[in-house]
Each structure stands twice: as structure tokens, then as C-alpha cells.
Protein backbone atom coordinates (compact mmCIF):
# COMPACT_ATOMS: atom_id res chain seq x y z
CA MET A 1 89.69 84.54 114.76
CA ILE A 2 92.66 86.84 115.45
CA VAL A 3 95.44 86.11 117.96
CA LEU A 4 98.32 88.52 118.58
CA ASP A 5 101.13 87.24 120.81
CA LYS A 6 103.80 89.66 122.10
CA VAL A 7 103.86 91.67 118.87
CA ASN A 8 106.62 94.26 118.58
CA LYS A 9 107.21 96.87 115.90
CA TRP A 10 110.08 99.35 115.61
CA TYR A 11 110.62 102.34 113.34
CA GLY A 12 114.34 102.90 113.80
CA ASP A 13 114.72 103.75 117.49
CA TYR A 14 110.98 104.27 117.98
CA HIS A 15 109.19 101.36 119.61
CA ALA A 16 105.72 101.62 118.02
CA LEU A 17 104.22 98.37 119.35
CA VAL A 18 105.40 96.97 122.66
CA ASP A 19 104.61 93.32 123.49
CA VAL A 20 101.02 93.57 122.23
CA SER A 21 98.93 90.47 122.93
CA GLU A 22 95.23 90.33 122.14
CA ARG A 23 92.49 88.01 120.88
CA VAL A 24 89.45 88.78 118.75
CA ALA A 25 86.69 86.19 118.61
CA LYS A 26 84.59 85.35 115.58
CA ASN A 27 81.63 87.79 115.20
CA GLU A 28 83.18 90.15 117.75
CA VAL A 29 83.40 93.92 117.21
CA VAL A 30 86.51 95.40 118.83
CA VAL A 31 87.17 99.14 118.86
CA VAL A 32 90.78 100.23 119.34
CA CYS A 33 91.11 103.73 120.75
CA GLY A 34 93.73 105.95 122.32
CA PRO A 35 95.57 109.23 121.83
CA SER A 36 97.34 110.14 118.59
CA GLY A 37 100.61 108.25 118.24
CA SER A 38 99.49 105.42 120.52
CA GLY A 39 100.09 102.70 117.90
CA LYS A 40 96.46 102.07 116.93
CA SER A 41 96.87 102.38 113.16
CA THR A 42 100.20 100.54 113.22
CA LEU A 43 98.50 97.70 115.06
CA ILE A 44 95.61 97.34 112.63
CA ARG A 45 97.95 97.56 109.64
CA THR A 46 99.94 94.58 110.93
CA LEU A 47 96.78 92.47 110.65
CA ASN A 48 97.00 92.35 106.86
CA ARG A 49 100.75 92.93 106.57
CA LEU A 50 100.61 96.51 105.42
CA GLU A 51 103.16 96.73 108.24
CA GLU A 52 105.62 93.96 108.99
CA ILE A 53 106.34 93.07 112.62
CA ASP A 54 109.72 92.78 114.33
CA GLY A 55 108.80 90.25 116.98
CA GLY A 56 105.98 88.04 118.20
CA SER A 57 103.29 86.48 116.03
CA ILE A 58 99.85 87.16 114.56
CA ALA A 59 97.51 84.32 113.63
CA ILE A 60 94.26 84.76 111.71
CA ASP A 61 91.96 81.77 111.58
CA GLY A 62 94.83 79.66 112.91
CA ARG A 63 97.41 80.72 110.31
CA ASP A 64 100.57 82.66 111.14
CA ILE A 65 100.19 85.56 108.73
CA HIS A 66 103.76 86.81 109.10
CA ALA A 67 105.29 83.38 108.45
CA LYS A 68 107.97 83.24 105.78
CA GLY A 69 106.57 82.25 102.41
CA ARG A 70 103.02 83.37 103.20
CA ASP A 71 101.26 84.63 100.07
CA VAL A 72 100.55 88.24 101.06
CA ASN A 73 98.12 88.87 98.18
CA ALA A 74 96.07 85.79 99.07
CA LEU A 75 96.09 86.87 102.72
CA ARG A 76 94.85 90.37 101.90
CA ALA A 77 92.17 89.00 99.59
CA GLY A 78 90.58 87.40 102.66
CA ILE A 79 90.66 90.49 104.89
CA GLY A 80 88.56 93.56 104.18
CA PHE A 81 90.40 96.82 104.88
CA VAL A 82 88.83 100.28 104.83
CA PHE A 83 91.28 103.18 104.86
CA GLN A 84 91.04 106.71 106.18
CA HIS A 85 91.35 108.00 102.61
CA PHE A 86 89.03 106.04 100.38
CA ASN A 87 91.64 104.82 97.85
CA LEU A 88 89.06 104.29 95.10
CA PHE A 89 90.28 104.03 91.51
CA PRO A 90 89.37 107.45 90.05
CA HIS A 91 89.16 106.21 86.46
CA LEU A 92 86.63 103.47 87.28
CA THR A 93 82.93 103.84 88.04
CA VAL A 94 81.53 102.92 91.44
CA LEU A 95 80.35 99.57 90.09
CA GLU A 96 83.68 98.87 88.37
CA ASN A 97 85.56 99.69 91.60
CA CYS A 98 83.50 97.08 93.45
CA ALA A 99 83.60 94.37 90.78
CA LEU A 100 87.30 94.57 89.85
CA ALA A 101 88.97 92.55 92.61
CA PRO A 102 86.56 89.57 92.63
CA VAL A 103 87.16 89.10 88.89
CA ASN A 104 90.94 89.49 89.08
CA LEU A 105 91.63 87.78 92.42
CA LYS A 106 88.75 85.37 93.03
CA ARG A 107 88.05 84.44 89.43
CA ALA A 108 84.42 85.45 89.60
CA THR A 109 82.81 85.98 86.23
CA PRO A 110 82.17 89.65 85.36
CA LYS A 111 78.43 88.95 85.50
CA GLU A 112 78.67 87.40 88.98
CA ALA A 113 80.91 90.20 90.24
CA ARG A 114 78.63 92.93 88.92
CA ALA A 115 75.50 91.32 90.37
CA TYR A 116 77.07 90.99 93.83
CA ALA A 117 78.52 94.51 93.62
CA ILE A 118 75.06 95.92 92.89
CA GLN A 119 73.70 93.99 95.87
CA LEU A 120 76.39 95.50 98.11
CA LEU A 121 75.83 98.99 96.75
CA GLU A 122 72.16 98.59 97.65
CA GLN A 123 73.25 97.53 101.13
CA VAL A 124 75.25 100.75 101.59
CA GLY A 125 72.53 102.87 99.96
CA LEU A 126 74.38 103.73 96.76
CA ALA A 127 72.98 101.50 94.01
CA HIS A 128 71.74 104.65 92.26
CA LYS A 129 75.35 105.88 92.00
CA ARG A 130 76.76 102.75 90.40
CA ASP A 131 77.67 104.50 87.13
CA ALA A 132 79.16 107.57 88.81
CA TYR A 133 82.89 108.18 89.19
CA PRO A 134 84.49 108.76 92.61
CA ASN A 135 85.03 112.49 91.99
CA GLU A 136 81.26 112.85 91.54
CA LEU A 137 80.58 111.57 95.06
CA SER A 138 80.75 113.17 98.50
CA GLY A 139 83.37 111.93 100.95
CA GLY A 140 80.77 109.93 102.85
CA GLN A 141 79.57 108.31 99.65
CA GLN A 142 83.12 107.45 98.62
CA GLN A 143 83.76 105.80 101.97
CA ARG A 144 80.55 103.77 101.68
CA VAL A 145 81.71 102.62 98.23
CA ALA A 146 85.06 101.68 99.78
CA ILE A 147 83.22 99.53 102.33
CA ALA A 148 81.19 97.86 99.57
CA ARG A 149 84.37 97.25 97.58
CA ALA A 150 85.99 95.54 100.59
CA LEU A 151 82.87 93.42 101.16
CA ALA A 152 82.89 92.34 97.50
CA MET A 153 85.69 89.90 98.33
CA ARG A 154 83.40 88.23 100.90
CA PRO A 155 85.95 88.58 103.72
CA PRO A 156 85.38 86.93 107.11
CA ILE A 157 87.06 89.93 108.81
CA MET A 158 86.74 93.68 108.24
CA LEU A 159 89.38 96.14 109.44
CA PHE A 160 88.65 99.87 109.65
CA ASP A 161 91.46 102.39 110.11
CA GLU A 162 89.85 105.66 111.21
CA PRO A 163 87.27 105.45 108.40
CA THR A 164 85.52 108.73 109.32
CA SER A 165 88.46 110.97 110.20
CA ALA A 166 88.76 112.45 106.69
CA LEU A 167 85.04 113.24 106.48
CA ASP A 168 83.07 116.39 107.16
CA PRO A 169 81.02 115.97 110.36
CA GLU A 170 77.69 115.72 108.54
CA MET A 171 78.98 112.74 106.52
CA VAL A 172 80.25 110.71 109.47
CA GLY A 173 76.85 109.34 110.44
CA GLU A 174 76.15 107.71 107.07
CA VAL A 175 79.39 105.72 107.23
CA LEU A 176 78.89 104.72 110.87
CA GLN A 177 75.39 103.49 110.01
CA VAL A 178 76.83 101.09 107.41
CA MET A 179 79.34 99.86 110.00
CA ARG A 180 76.52 99.37 112.53
CA SER A 181 74.61 97.23 110.05
CA LEU A 182 77.69 95.07 109.44
CA ALA A 183 78.08 94.57 113.18
CA GLU A 184 74.41 93.61 113.48
CA ASP A 185 74.93 91.04 110.70
CA GLY A 186 77.70 89.38 112.76
CA MET A 187 80.78 90.56 110.86
CA THR A 188 84.05 90.19 112.77
CA MET A 189 85.37 93.76 112.93
CA VAL A 190 88.38 95.60 114.32
CA CYS A 191 87.89 99.37 114.17
CA VAL A 192 90.35 102.13 114.95
CA THR A 193 88.18 105.16 115.52
CA HIS A 194 87.80 108.40 117.45
CA GLU A 195 84.00 108.09 117.32
CA MET A 196 83.33 107.28 120.96
CA GLY A 197 79.56 107.27 120.51
CA PHE A 198 79.91 104.53 117.91
CA ALA A 199 82.33 102.64 120.17
CA ARG A 200 79.94 102.79 123.10
CA GLU A 201 76.95 101.70 121.03
CA VAL A 202 78.39 99.03 118.72
CA ALA A 203 81.58 97.54 120.19
CA ASP A 204 81.60 94.29 122.12
CA ARG A 205 84.92 95.33 123.60
CA ILE A 206 87.13 98.40 123.83
CA VAL A 207 90.91 98.12 123.63
CA PHE A 208 92.73 101.24 124.86
CA MET A 209 96.30 101.90 123.71
CA SER A 210 98.95 104.42 124.67
CA GLU A 211 102.63 104.57 123.70
CA GLY A 212 102.45 101.29 121.81
CA ARG A 213 100.94 99.26 124.65
CA ILE A 214 97.48 97.96 125.41
CA LEU A 215 96.68 99.47 128.79
CA GLU A 216 93.04 98.48 129.17
CA ARG A 217 90.47 96.05 127.80
CA ALA A 218 86.86 96.42 128.83
CA THR A 219 83.25 96.33 127.77
CA PRO A 220 82.02 99.70 126.53
CA GLU A 221 79.91 100.10 129.67
CA ALA A 222 82.90 99.50 131.96
CA PHE A 223 85.31 101.57 129.88
CA PHE A 224 83.14 104.65 129.60
CA THR A 225 81.77 104.63 133.15
CA HIS A 226 84.69 103.27 135.19
CA PRO A 227 87.98 103.30 133.25
CA GLN A 228 90.68 101.67 135.35
CA HIS A 229 93.99 102.91 133.96
CA PRO A 230 94.92 106.54 134.76
CA ARG A 231 95.86 107.14 131.12
CA ALA A 232 92.42 105.93 129.98
CA GLN A 233 90.78 108.16 132.59
CA GLN A 234 92.72 111.14 131.25
CA PHE A 235 91.88 110.27 127.63
CA LEU A 236 88.15 110.19 128.36
CA ALA A 237 88.29 113.34 130.48
CA ASP A 238 90.02 115.18 127.63
CA ARG A 239 87.41 114.00 125.12
CA ASN A 240 84.54 115.01 127.40
CA ARG A 241 86.00 118.50 127.66
CA ASN A 242 86.23 118.95 123.87
């Protein structure tokens, strides 16, 4: 589903991604973890061209997404992306937030878009908030709406960039539960997260990054019980101490 081949990214003199190669299979849940500044968020943002790359290639469903002439808007319409900060439209209701893009980008009728949006809001447990505005919701509720909004485009892939890091601790669980249900339904997912319990429970594979490189790939069981790379060992030891 996703193939990265020797991807490089520079910010001036800073080498943010260094020869990153990786594959994500259809229906696979991959969690990308690592210390701050390791390149995790940069990596996931290259998958829908929120960040351009300076070398290598990225193919999604067999198409080179960084090829010249690629329609970026059409590409993004087919990839669900959930941000750290919810990025909901404050002047639109919850239902309007979820129904807007399918009408404007996929030419769904307003009736079709609203019906599917209500179905998705039920899925994330927020159908009763459909007429509320974002500022009337908790952070966890806003993030669940953001997930429903991304799903409204019926994407084959969902990307999550630290979706719980802006939330109060008591709200984290409600968002992770929605992500668990997506994984159980077979959604192809790439998640950048610091939630190691979620990674251990839900991921098919863990990808560990440091200083712009992938240093380890493993099943959750192998990664959390017998990490191979010294940097991964240190990362887990530090987290266990906190």
C-alpha cells in the first residue's frame, strides 16, 4: 500500500530524513515511535505531501505521489490525516465539518454527505453532538470529530500525527478507543504516537526512528521485550522510568 525508497528530506543544513525505506501492507497498522526530533512527524507528513522530499520516492497504491504533475488535492482526498491539533472549522457545526469535503471534493450530494457523516459520528460516539460547534466540545471530542471528518472521504489509508499529544490525560483513552476500532475493522494505518500501551496492543509492527533514520522494525512483542538497537533500548528504558 505504501512504499518508501531511500527518502531524504533536508531543512537547510539539517538532514531530517536519511535514506528512509519502508513498506506498509494493506490492512496493516504501523506505529512510528522515537525520541523528539527523530523525524517521525516529518516522515508521516511526506505521505500526503504536506512535506516535499529532496530525494528518493514514495508510492501509494502503486503511484509515485511526489511525481511532477501529480494532483496534490486529489492525492490528499484519498488519504485521511488526523493532526495533533484538531484543525476543525470553528464556524461550522460538527456535522457540517464532516460533510463539507465529500460535497466539495467528491461531489456527494448534501443529503448523502450528511447521512454518512451522521453514521461516522455514531461510530465515534458523537452523533448527539452533531449540531454543536467545536468550541463547545472537549479536546477528546474534537479529535474524535476530526477522525470522523477524515473518514468521511472514505480513504483507504489513515495517517495519525501524534493525535493525543494535545489532550488532557483523561481524554486520551476515548481517542485511542476510536483508533482501536478502526484497526479492528482492517483500516491501513500509520500512527506517530507516544502512547506505548496503544502501540503494544494495536500495532502490527513498530518502526523506531532516531536522528532521521529507521533503526529498528519489529513486532510489538519483540520491540517491547527485546529491542535490538541500543538507541531503542535507551528510549524504552527512559519511558519506563517516567
